Amino acid sequence: MSNVLRRAAKPLSADTFVKSVLKNFMADSGLEPRLFGPHLRVTNAIKGRVDFELDITKDHTNRLKIIHGGTIASMVDLGGSLAVASMGLWSTGVSTDLNVTYLSSGGNVGEKLQASAVCEKIGKTLAFTTVTFKNSKGELAARGSHTKYVEKAWKGDVGYIPPENWNGDEQA
């Protein structure tokens, strides 16, 4: 698509754009498709906030048969990236800091872990995100923060328009 056509193209909704970014993570990343596969999905996205959930399988658990802390940490990483995407950035930068606090059990196989990622602030160089997790009982299970270096992300496609080379379905 030429630059003239791209400028004339109607941007996607925040929800559709974020789902397209997730689809791209699943297509091009090594970790996310293997760890989460079809078990993780975005349930809603608006500018600055993304809600998503994970159907917990055995692959997400530790030897105690509860969700592994590393799975939750990976969800903080991905969730922070999706929160940045919800601001209209296709490229979501690189991590500079990630923190997770575990408060109660996130759940067992067959249960659902719900998460909300919020882009608290985004500037020219850094984006600050928080992610909260609730288990199937509705209890706060964990909370995380994720800081991303986004300076180079601003030089790419911005404004809910996937890049020209994206071959995915716009209605992800």
Protein backbone atom coordinates (compact mmCIF):
# COMPACT_ATOMS: atom_id res chain seq x y z
CA MET A 1 0.00 0.00 0.00
CA SER A 2 1.45 3.37 -0.92
CA ASN A 3 2.03 6.08 1.70
CA VAL A 4 -0.76 8.13 0.10
CA LEU A 5 -3.20 5.24 0.47
CA ARG A 6 -1.99 4.51 4.01
CA ARG A 7 -2.65 8.09 5.08
CA ALA A 8 -6.12 7.87 3.55
CA ALA A 9 -6.80 4.46 5.14
CA LYS A 10 -9.24 4.44 8.02
CA PRO A 11 -7.52 3.46 11.26
CA LEU A 12 -8.69 0.33 13.07
CA SER A 13 -10.47 0.52 16.40
CA ALA A 14 -8.21 0.18 19.43
CA ASP A 15 -9.68 -3.27 20.11
CA THR A 16 -9.08 -4.59 16.59
CA PHE A 17 -5.62 -3.01 16.46
CA VAL A 18 -4.52 -4.58 19.77
CA LYS A 19 -5.87 -7.97 18.67
CA SER A 20 -3.83 -7.60 15.46
CA VAL A 21 -0.70 -6.83 17.51
CA LEU A 22 -1.35 -9.96 19.62
CA LYS A 23 -1.84 -11.99 16.44
CA ASN A 24 1.52 -10.67 15.22
CA PHE A 25 3.19 -11.68 18.52
CA MET A 26 1.74 -15.16 18.07
CA ALA A 27 2.96 -15.35 14.47
CA ASP A 28 6.46 -13.93 14.88
CA SER A 29 7.59 -14.48 18.48
CA GLY A 30 9.21 -17.59 19.87
CA LEU A 31 7.84 -17.47 23.42
CA GLU A 32 4.22 -16.34 23.31
CA PRO A 33 2.86 -18.93 20.86
CA ARG A 34 4.55 -21.78 22.75
CA LEU A 35 3.61 -20.59 26.23
CA PHE A 36 0.14 -19.20 25.60
CA GLY A 37 -1.00 -20.42 22.19
CA PRO A 38 -4.77 -20.21 21.74
CA HIS A 39 -5.32 -20.11 25.52
CA LEU A 40 -4.70 -16.35 25.82
CA ARG A 41 -7.06 -13.83 24.30
CA VAL A 42 -7.79 -10.12 24.44
CA THR A 43 -11.35 -9.60 25.68
CA ASN A 44 -11.45 -5.81 25.34
CA ALA A 45 -9.14 -2.96 24.44
CA ILE A 46 -9.57 0.78 24.55
CA LYS A 47 -6.97 3.51 24.41
CA GLY A 48 -4.73 2.96 27.43
CA ARG A 49 -6.27 -0.29 28.70
CA VAL A 50 -6.35 -3.92 27.59
CA ASP A 51 -8.29 -6.71 29.28
CA PHE A 52 -7.18 -10.24 28.54
CA GLU A 53 -7.52 -13.73 29.97
CA LEU A 54 -5.73 -17.06 30.07
CA ASP A 55 -7.30 -20.51 30.22
CA ILE A 56 -4.86 -22.24 32.57
CA THR A 57 -3.48 -25.53 31.24
CA LYS A 58 -0.86 -27.90 32.67
CA ASP A 59 1.80 -26.10 30.61
CA HIS A 60 1.16 -22.92 32.66
CA THR A 61 1.61 -24.56 36.08
CA ASN A 62 4.37 -25.42 38.51
CA ARG A 63 4.96 -28.67 40.39
CA LEU A 64 2.27 -27.66 42.90
CA LYS A 65 -0.19 -27.68 40.00
CA ILE A 66 -0.99 -23.96 40.32
CA ILE A 67 -0.17 -21.29 37.76
CA HIS A 68 3.58 -20.75 37.61
CA GLY A 69 4.96 -17.37 38.63
CA GLY A 70 6.93 -17.31 35.39
CA THR A 71 3.69 -17.59 33.42
CA ILE A 72 2.33 -14.56 35.25
CA ALA A 73 5.61 -12.67 34.71
CA SER A 74 5.38 -13.41 30.99
CA MET A 75 1.81 -12.12 31.04
CA VAL A 76 3.04 -8.88 32.65
CA ASP A 77 5.54 -8.54 29.80
CA LEU A 78 2.98 -9.25 27.09
CA GLY A 79 0.24 -7.26 28.82
CA GLY A 80 2.50 -4.20 29.13
CA SER A 81 3.30 -4.46 25.44
CA LEU A 82 -0.39 -4.68 24.55
CA ALA A 83 -1.13 -1.65 26.75
CA VAL A 84 1.50 0.29 24.75
CA ALA A 85 -0.14 -0.98 21.54
CA SER A 86 -3.47 0.35 22.81
CA MET A 87 -1.95 3.83 22.55
CA GLY A 88 -1.61 3.32 18.77
CA LEU A 89 1.94 1.93 18.51
CA TRP A 90 2.45 -1.20 16.43
CA SER A 91 6.02 -1.56 17.62
CA THR A 92 5.82 -1.70 21.42
CA GLY A 93 9.44 -1.05 22.40
CA VAL A 94 11.72 -3.10 24.62
CA SER A 95 11.58 -3.86 28.32
CA THR A 96 13.71 -1.87 30.74
CA ASP A 97 12.08 -3.05 33.96
CA LEU A 98 9.55 -5.65 35.00
CA ASN A 99 8.23 -6.36 38.49
CA VAL A 100 5.65 -8.82 39.78
CA THR A 101 4.08 -9.14 43.21
CA TYR A 102 2.23 -12.39 43.89
CA LEU A 103 -0.66 -11.96 46.35
CA SER A 104 -2.69 -15.18 46.21
CA SER A 105 -3.07 -18.25 44.04
CA GLY A 106 -3.65 -17.41 40.40
CA GLY A 107 -5.47 -20.64 39.79
CA ASN A 108 -5.38 -24.27 38.73
CA VAL A 109 -5.71 -26.17 35.48
CA GLY A 110 -9.14 -25.56 33.97
CA GLU A 111 -9.58 -22.16 35.61
CA LYS A 112 -9.33 -18.75 34.00
CA LEU A 113 -6.91 -15.98 35.01
CA GLN A 114 -8.16 -12.50 34.09
CA ALA A 115 -5.84 -9.55 33.62
CA SER A 116 -6.06 -5.82 32.95
CA ALA A 117 -3.08 -3.91 31.58
CA VAL A 118 -3.03 -0.12 31.76
CA CYS A 119 -0.61 2.28 30.09
CA GLU A 120 -0.19 4.73 32.97
CA LYS A 121 2.06 7.12 31.07
CA ILE A 122 3.77 7.19 27.70
CA GLY A 123 6.37 9.70 26.66
CA LYS A 124 8.97 10.14 23.95
CA THR A 125 11.28 7.50 25.40
CA LEU A 126 9.50 5.48 28.10
CA ALA A 127 6.10 3.92 28.70
CA PHE A 128 4.95 2.84 32.16
CA THR A 129 2.37 0.09 32.48
CA THR A 130 0.66 -1.83 35.26
CA VAL A 131 -1.06 -5.20 35.05
CA THR A 132 -3.43 -6.68 37.62
CA PHE A 133 -4.57 -10.29 37.77
CA LYS A 134 -7.71 -11.84 39.26
CA ASN A 135 -8.23 -15.54 39.79
CA SER A 136 -11.50 -17.40 39.10
CA LYS A 137 -12.73 -16.45 42.61
CA GLY A 138 -12.35 -12.77 41.74
CA GLU A 139 -9.45 -12.34 44.16
CA LEU A 140 -6.47 -10.16 43.34
CA ALA A 141 -3.84 -12.78 42.54
CA ALA A 142 -0.92 -10.64 41.37
CA ARG A 143 0.05 -7.21 40.16
CA GLY A 144 2.92 -6.19 37.98
CA SER A 145 4.60 -3.19 36.48
CA HIS A 146 6.43 -3.02 33.19
CA THR A 147 8.52 -0.16 31.84
CA LYS A 148 9.29 -0.06 28.13
CA TYR A 149 11.75 1.96 26.07
CA VAL A 150 9.61 3.25 23.19
CA GLU A 151 11.67 5.98 21.49
CA LYS A 152 12.25 3.90 18.35
CA ALA A 153 8.63 2.70 18.37
CA TRP A 154 7.45 6.26 17.64
CA LYS A 155 9.38 6.14 14.34
CA GLY A 156 7.22 3.29 13.02
CA ASP A 157 3.54 3.03 12.27
CA VAL A 158 1.43 5.01 14.74
CA GLY A 159 -2.32 5.53 14.97
CA TYR A 160 -4.02 2.10 14.93
CA ILE A 161 -2.79 1.29 11.42
CA PRO A 162 -0.81 -1.96 11.03
CA PRO A 163 2.44 -1.63 9.09
CA GLU A 164 2.42 -2.04 5.34
CA ASN A 165 4.20 -5.42 5.57
CA TRP A 166 1.64 -6.94 7.98
CA ASN A 167 -0.09 -9.78 6.17
CA GLY A 168 -2.60 -10.60 8.90
CA ASP A 169 -6.31 -10.25 8.79
CA GLU A 170 -7.30 -6.76 9.98
CA GLN A 171 -10.27 -8.22 11.79
CA ALA A 172 -8.12 -10.31 14.16
